[in-house]
Amino acid sequence: MTHEPYFAARSGQRYTFRSIAEAIHEDHPHLDGKHIFVQLDAVDLRAEFDAGDTPYGLPYSFTDYLETAHA
């Protein structure tokens, strides 16, 4: 099983880049392609991200992740 890129929030919950991208695309399509900080603010995950841990490299935009070979 391949591990999807994610960040571990302050709470310990893991958020995959794909799940964030899908939430942005569904609920905030005007933010497709915007920087991850803008996207995290929109889905109220910025504080969780800032205090969490990201074991994988970050994309510029989570929604770009849906448009690459990772999707």
Protein backbone atom coordinates (compact mmCIF):
# COMPACT_ATOMS: atom_id res chain seq x y z
CA MET A 1 0.00 0.00 0.00
CA THR A 2 1.39 3.38 -1.01
CA HIS A 3 1.43 6.11 1.58
CA GLU A 4 -0.28 9.27 0.38
CA PRO A 5 1.39 12.54 1.34
CA TYR A 6 -0.23 14.05 4.43
CA PHE A 7 0.34 16.32 7.36
CA ALA A 8 -0.21 15.32 10.96
CA ALA A 9 -2.21 18.00 12.74
CA ARG A 10 -1.59 19.32 16.23
CA SER A 11 -4.44 17.02 17.31
CA GLY A 12 -2.62 14.01 15.82
CA GLN A 13 -5.14 13.53 13.02
CA ARG A 14 -3.66 12.98 9.56
CA TYR A 15 -4.93 14.99 6.62
CA THR A 16 -3.95 13.70 3.20
CA PHE A 17 -3.09 16.25 0.55
CA ARG A 18 -5.76 14.61 -1.61
CA SER A 19 -8.52 15.07 1.00
CA ILE A 20 -7.63 18.74 1.43
CA ALA A 21 -7.52 19.22 -2.35
CA GLU A 22 -10.94 17.59 -2.73
CA ALA A 23 -12.43 19.77 0.03
CA ILE A 24 -11.02 22.91 -1.59
CA HIS A 25 -12.22 21.88 -5.03
CA GLU A 26 -15.70 21.04 -3.71
CA ASP A 27 -16.28 23.88 -1.22
CA HIS A 28 -13.96 26.64 -2.45
CA PRO A 29 -13.37 26.15 -6.19
CA HIS A 30 -12.34 29.80 -6.53
CA LEU A 31 -9.23 28.83 -4.55
CA ASP A 32 -8.10 26.09 -6.95
CA GLY A 33 -4.41 26.67 -7.62
CA LYS A 34 -3.96 29.18 -4.78
CA HIS A 35 -1.15 28.80 -2.23
CA ILE A 36 -1.65 26.16 0.46
CA PHE A 37 -1.83 28.75 3.26
CA VAL A 38 -4.84 30.42 1.59
CA GLN A 39 -6.43 27.01 1.13
CA LEU A 40 -5.74 25.91 4.71
CA ASP A 41 -7.25 29.15 6.01
CA ALA A 42 -10.40 28.49 3.96
CA VAL A 43 -10.92 25.04 5.48
CA ASP A 44 -9.92 26.15 9.00
CA LEU A 45 -6.85 23.93 9.15
CA ARG A 46 -4.10 26.55 9.28
CA ALA A 47 -3.55 26.40 13.07
CA GLU A 48 -3.58 22.59 12.94
CA PHE A 49 -1.03 22.67 10.13
CA ASP A 50 1.21 25.27 11.77
CA ALA A 51 1.41 23.26 14.99
CA GLY A 52 1.62 19.89 13.27
CA ASP A 53 4.21 17.90 11.36
CA THR A 54 4.59 17.32 7.63
CA PRO A 55 6.74 14.31 6.82
CA TYR A 56 6.49 14.83 3.05
CA GLY A 57 7.30 17.76 0.78
CA LEU A 58 4.51 20.25 0.28
CA PRO A 59 3.01 21.28 -3.04
CA TYR A 60 2.52 24.97 -3.84
CA SER A 61 -1.22 24.31 -3.97
CA PHE A 62 -3.14 21.29 -2.73
CA THR A 63 -5.43 21.40 -5.78
CA ASP A 64 -2.38 21.13 -8.04
CA TYR A 65 -1.97 17.73 -6.40
CA LEU A 66 -5.22 16.54 -8.03
CA GLU A 67 -3.95 17.57 -11.46
CA THR A 68 -0.67 15.62 -11.31
CA ALA A 69 0.21 11.97 -11.67
CA HIS A 70 -0.48 11.61 -7.92
CA ALA A 71 -4.23 11.88 -8.47
